[in-house]
Amino acid sequence: MPTNLVQYAVNGGVATITLNDPPMNAYTHEMMKDLDAAVLDARFDNEVHVIVLTGHGEKFFCAGANIRMLSEVDQTYKYYFCLHANETLSRLEQTPKLVIAAINGHCVGGGFEVALACDIRIAKHDAGKIGLPEVALGVLPGTGGTQRLTRLLGGGRAMHMMIEGQTFDVERALELGLVNLVFDAPSRDEFLSQIYAYAQQFCPPAKASLAVGRIKRAVQSGGEMPLESGLAFERELQAELFHSVDAGEGLAAYVAKRKPVFKGR
């Protein structure tokens, strides 16, 4: 589903979604509609087991919402633009497939909010700045940033970062837990090659991708429930997995003392 603003490609079980509006890959409603469509394509494709989200070029993952666009539209448009962007990122977050943010460049404002909706954030070692500086514009991080950063770091640390509009280099972002991994790569192409190799370990036959996806669902949704409800949700997901081909293969391989060959079914 290639478009002008979002590129979509599938290779070896990995769907790569690229935000493509250089130089900053800032998003408009049109880009968000394309991103939403790409997420749905990846959801419905049984051959897709992992989603990688990245930005075009060497300088930016995503600089957030297009400020020029926001300065020109009325309040009603702004409201529905933010609502749809929130819905799109929630759809990405709730998709029961692993989502990796491949942070190839600056990842600030709404761009970092996009990354926060991903399950794992991996940054190129010299990617640039990461953070939520919206307060400098007189607004708050309104595409999930206040909520997801709070859940990631806790209220005190998240508030401190946001009210000061702090941004960090990649190494400091790793120390703070804003990103999970940093890959040392000389170019974006090499970085994405490393990302693809990393993503492959969560695809069949190496890994039971259904189990990975249900672990994600248990964490994302179960973590918002009271413990008793979360445990019940976990049991339902486990019962679903027990009916899968891969669970049968995993148990049989363990008993036979051999390496399992998963199918993603």
Protein backbone atom coordinates (compact mmCIF):
# COMPACT_ATOMS: atom_id res chain seq x y z
CA MET A 1 0.00 0.00 0.00
CA PRO A 2 2.57 2.65 -0.99
CA THR A 3 1.36 6.26 -0.78
CA ASN A 4 3.01 9.64 -0.92
CA LEU A 5 3.03 10.09 2.85
CA VAL A 6 3.33 6.55 4.20
CA GLN A 7 5.23 3.71 2.56
CA TYR A 8 4.31 0.10 3.33
CA ALA A 9 6.28 -3.03 2.51
CA VAL A 10 6.28 -6.63 3.75
CA ASN A 11 9.31 -8.89 3.74
CA GLY A 12 9.91 -12.12 5.62
CA GLY A 13 7.02 -11.66 8.03
CA VAL A 14 7.93 -8.05 8.87
CA ALA A 15 5.80 -5.11 7.73
CA THR A 16 7.78 -1.88 7.48
CA ILE A 17 5.79 1.36 7.71
CA THR A 18 7.75 4.48 6.77
CA LEU A 19 6.58 8.02 7.52
CA ASN A 20 7.52 9.87 4.35
CA ASP A 21 7.21 13.67 4.33
CA PRO A 22 10.79 14.96 4.30
CA PRO A 23 12.64 16.62 5.74
CA MET A 24 10.85 16.31 9.12
CA ASN A 25 8.18 13.64 8.44
CA ALA A 26 5.72 15.83 10.38
CA TYR A 27 2.23 14.39 10.30
CA THR A 28 -0.96 15.86 8.94
CA HIS A 29 -4.43 14.33 8.95
CA GLU A 30 -3.65 12.90 5.53
CA MET A 31 -0.54 11.14 6.85
CA MET A 32 -2.45 9.81 9.85
CA LYS A 33 -5.15 8.39 7.58
CA ASP A 34 -2.45 6.61 5.59
CA LEU A 35 -0.80 5.35 8.78
CA ASP A 36 -4.16 4.10 10.02
CA ALA A 37 -4.70 2.22 6.76
CA ALA A 38 -1.21 0.69 6.94
CA VAL A 39 -1.82 -0.53 10.50
CA LEU A 40 -5.05 -2.18 9.37
CA ASP A 41 -3.28 -3.80 6.40
CA ALA A 42 -0.69 -5.26 8.79
CA ARG A 43 -3.41 -6.45 11.16
CA PHE A 44 -5.30 -8.38 8.52
CA ASP A 45 -2.24 -9.90 6.83
CA ASN A 46 -1.64 -13.37 8.28
CA GLU A 47 1.90 -13.29 6.86
CA VAL A 48 2.80 -10.24 8.97
CA HIS A 49 4.11 -11.10 12.43
CA VAL A 50 6.05 -7.94 13.37
CA ILE A 51 5.53 -4.28 12.44
CA VAL A 52 8.45 -1.85 12.15
CA LEU A 53 7.67 1.87 12.13
CA THR A 54 10.35 4.30 10.98
CA GLY A 55 10.92 7.64 9.25
CA HIS A 56 12.21 8.55 5.82
CA GLY A 57 15.74 9.88 5.50
CA GLU A 58 18.66 10.28 7.87
CA LYS A 59 17.58 13.23 10.03
CA PHE A 60 14.07 12.66 11.39
CA PHE A 61 11.97 9.79 12.64
CA CYS A 62 9.12 12.27 13.06
CA ALA A 63 8.98 15.85 14.30
CA GLY A 64 5.35 15.53 15.39
CA ALA A 65 2.32 17.34 14.04
CA ASN A 66 2.81 19.74 11.14
CA ILE A 67 2.86 23.11 12.92
CA ARG A 68 2.11 25.12 9.79
CA MET A 69 -0.98 23.03 9.21
CA LEU A 70 -2.14 23.53 12.80
CA SER A 71 -1.65 27.29 12.53
CA GLU A 72 -3.95 27.47 9.50
CA VAL A 73 -6.95 25.31 10.48
CA ASP A 74 -9.89 26.12 12.77
CA GLN A 75 -10.52 24.78 16.26
CA THR A 76 -12.98 22.13 15.11
CA TYR A 77 -10.44 20.71 12.66
CA LYS A 78 -7.75 20.73 15.37
CA TYR A 79 -10.01 18.77 17.70
CA TYR A 80 -10.89 16.06 15.19
CA PHE A 81 -7.31 15.92 13.93
CA CYS A 82 -6.13 15.15 17.46
CA LEU A 83 -8.98 12.69 18.04
CA HIS A 84 -8.17 10.70 14.90
CA ALA A 85 -4.43 10.74 15.66
CA ASN A 86 -5.19 9.34 19.12
CA GLU A 87 -7.42 6.66 17.63
CA THR A 88 -4.74 5.69 15.11
CA LEU A 89 -2.04 5.31 17.76
CA SER A 90 -4.41 3.36 20.00
CA ARG A 91 -5.11 1.01 17.08
CA LEU A 92 -1.37 0.55 16.62
CA GLU A 93 -0.89 -0.06 20.35
CA GLN A 94 -3.74 -2.58 20.59
CA THR A 95 -2.77 -4.58 17.49
CA PRO A 96 -1.77 -8.05 18.78
CA LYS A 97 1.49 -8.04 16.83
CA LEU A 98 4.83 -6.75 18.06
CA VAL A 99 5.48 -3.15 16.98
CA ILE A 100 9.05 -1.80 16.88
CA ALA A 101 9.80 1.91 16.55
CA ALA A 102 13.04 2.22 14.55
CA ILE A 103 14.13 5.71 15.57
CA ASN A 104 16.43 6.77 12.75
CA GLY A 105 16.52 10.51 13.54
CA HIS A 106 15.06 13.23 15.76
CA CYS A 107 11.98 11.92 17.58
CA VAL A 108 10.29 14.81 19.32
CA GLY A 109 6.82 16.01 20.23
CA GLY A 110 4.15 14.04 18.43
CA GLY A 111 6.89 11.96 16.84
CA PHE A 112 7.88 10.63 20.23
CA GLU A 113 4.19 10.12 21.00
CA VAL A 114 4.06 7.85 17.94
CA ALA A 115 7.08 5.97 19.26
CA LEU A 116 5.52 5.67 22.72
CA ALA A 117 2.59 3.79 21.15
CA CYS A 118 5.05 1.15 19.90
CA ASP A 119 6.08 -1.82 22.03
CA ILE A 120 9.85 -1.54 21.68
CA ARG A 121 11.81 1.60 20.81
CA ILE A 122 15.22 1.14 19.19
CA ALA A 123 17.28 4.20 18.30
CA LYS A 124 20.22 4.72 15.96
CA HIS A 125 23.20 5.78 18.07
CA ASP A 126 23.37 9.29 16.59
CA ALA A 127 19.66 9.70 15.90
CA GLY A 128 19.34 13.12 17.54
CA LYS A 129 16.93 14.42 20.16
CA ILE A 130 14.11 12.54 21.87
CA GLY A 131 11.44 14.10 24.08
CA LEU A 132 8.21 16.04 24.48
CA PRO A 133 8.87 19.82 24.22
CA GLU A 134 5.25 20.87 23.46
CA VAL A 135 5.08 23.22 26.45
CA ALA A 136 7.30 25.64 24.47
CA LEU A 137 4.38 26.01 22.03
CA GLY A 138 1.88 26.66 24.80
CA VAL A 139 0.25 23.24 24.45
CA LEU A 140 0.60 19.78 26.00
CA PRO A 141 1.60 16.45 24.40
CA GLY A 142 -1.91 15.70 23.12
CA THR A 143 -1.48 12.49 21.14
CA GLY A 144 -1.14 10.23 24.14
CA GLY A 145 2.13 11.64 25.48
CA THR A 146 0.94 12.69 28.92
CA GLN A 147 -0.62 9.27 29.49
CA ARG A 148 1.92 6.92 27.93
CA LEU A 149 4.98 8.68 29.34
CA THR A 150 3.37 8.62 32.81
CA ARG A 151 2.75 4.90 32.52
CA LEU A 152 6.31 4.36 31.31
CA LEU A 153 8.19 6.43 33.89
CA GLY A 154 5.76 7.30 36.67
CA GLY A 155 4.01 10.59 37.29
CA GLY A 156 6.79 12.59 38.91
CA ARG A 157 9.48 11.94 36.31
CA ALA A 158 7.07 12.27 33.40
CA MET A 159 5.68 15.58 34.65
CA HIS A 160 9.16 16.97 35.24
CA MET A 161 10.19 16.15 31.69
CA MET A 162 7.06 17.61 30.13
CA ILE A 163 6.76 20.85 32.11
CA GLU A 164 10.41 21.64 31.35
CA GLY A 165 10.06 20.47 27.74
CA GLN A 166 13.20 18.37 28.12
CA THR A 167 14.77 16.58 25.16
CA PHE A 168 17.64 14.12 25.37
CA ASP A 169 20.27 12.57 23.19
CA VAL A 170 19.96 8.86 22.47
CA GLU A 171 22.38 7.69 25.16
CA ARG A 172 20.56 9.65 27.88
CA ALA A 173 17.20 8.48 26.55
CA LEU A 174 18.43 4.90 26.96
CA GLU A 175 19.51 5.59 30.55
CA LEU A 176 16.09 7.06 31.33
CA GLY A 177 14.20 4.17 29.78
CA LEU A 178 12.71 6.22 26.93
CA VAL A 179 14.23 3.77 24.45
CA ASN A 180 14.91 0.08 24.95
CA LEU A 181 17.97 -0.41 22.76
CA VAL A 182 20.50 1.60 20.77
CA PHE A 183 22.07 0.19 17.61
CA ASP A 184 25.42 1.49 16.38
CA ALA A 185 25.10 1.83 12.61
CA PRO A 186 26.92 4.07 10.10
CA SER A 187 23.81 4.75 8.00
CA ARG A 188 20.04 4.49 8.02
CA ASP A 189 20.17 1.53 5.64
CA GLU A 190 22.50 -0.39 7.96
CA PHE A 191 20.36 0.59 10.94
CA LEU A 192 17.24 -0.79 9.27
CA SER A 193 19.11 -3.97 8.35
CA GLN A 194 19.90 -4.44 12.03
CA ILE A 195 16.27 -3.68 12.93
CA TYR A 196 15.07 -6.26 10.42
CA ALA A 197 17.42 -8.90 11.83
CA TYR A 198 16.18 -8.10 15.33
CA ALA A 199 12.53 -8.29 14.24
CA GLN A 200 13.09 -11.66 12.57
CA GLN A 201 13.71 -13.34 15.90
CA PHE A 202 10.03 -12.75 16.77
CA CYS A 203 8.77 -14.36 13.54
CA PRO A 204 8.17 -18.01 12.73
CA PRO A 205 9.88 -20.41 12.65
CA ALA A 206 12.09 -18.93 15.39
CA LYS A 207 9.35 -17.65 17.69
CA ALA A 208 5.66 -18.29 18.27
CA SER A 209 4.37 -14.92 17.08
CA LEU A 210 0.86 -15.58 18.38
CA ALA A 211 2.31 -15.95 21.89
CA VAL A 212 4.33 -12.73 21.44
CA GLY A 213 1.17 -10.90 20.37
CA ARG A 214 -0.87 -12.23 23.30
CA ILE A 215 1.88 -11.30 25.76
CA LYS A 216 1.62 -7.79 24.31
CA ARG A 217 -2.17 -7.78 24.77
CA ALA A 218 -1.83 -9.05 28.35
CA VAL A 219 0.59 -6.24 29.17
CA GLN A 220 -1.16 -3.44 27.27
CA SER A 221 -4.74 -4.16 28.33
CA GLY A 222 -4.25 -6.28 31.43
CA GLY A 223 -1.96 -3.68 32.93
CA GLU A 224 -4.85 -1.20 32.98
CA MET A 225 -7.15 -3.58 34.89
CA PRO A 226 -7.43 -4.44 38.58
CA LEU A 227 -5.22 -7.46 39.35
CA GLU A 228 -8.10 -9.93 39.56
CA SER A 229 -9.45 -8.83 36.17
CA GLY A 230 -5.97 -8.84 34.66
CA LEU A 231 -5.41 -12.39 35.84
CA ALA A 232 -8.73 -13.47 34.32
CA PHE A 233 -7.76 -11.79 31.02
CA GLU A 234 -4.41 -13.58 31.13
CA ARG A 235 -6.16 -16.93 31.56
CA GLU A 236 -8.39 -16.27 28.55
CA LEU A 237 -5.41 -15.41 26.38
CA GLN A 238 -3.62 -18.54 27.57
CA ALA A 239 -6.67 -20.69 26.78
CA GLU A 240 -6.68 -19.17 23.28
CA LEU A 241 -3.01 -20.03 22.83
CA PHE A 242 -3.49 -23.61 24.03
CA HIS A 243 -5.70 -24.12 20.94
CA SER A 244 -2.95 -22.89 18.59
CA VAL A 245 -0.77 -25.05 16.35
CA ASP A 246 2.31 -23.41 17.83
CA ALA A 247 1.47 -24.33 21.41
CA GLY A 248 1.16 -27.96 20.34
CA GLU A 249 4.48 -27.72 18.53
CA GLY A 250 6.22 -26.01 21.45
CA LEU A 251 5.10 -28.60 23.98
CA ALA A 252 5.90 -31.52 21.66
CA ALA A 253 9.35 -30.13 20.87
CA TYR A 254 10.12 -29.71 24.57
CA VAL A 255 9.19 -33.31 25.33
CA ALA A 256 11.19 -34.56 22.34
CA LYS A 257 14.16 -32.37 23.30
CA ARG A 258 14.29 -30.71 19.87
CA LYS A 259 14.06 -27.15 18.61
CA PRO A 260 10.47 -26.11 17.85
CA VAL A 261 9.49 -24.99 14.36
CA PHE A 262 6.70 -22.47 14.75
CA LYS A 263 4.12 -21.63 12.09
CA GLY A 264 2.47 -18.50 13.46
CA ARG A 265 -0.84 -20.32 13.74
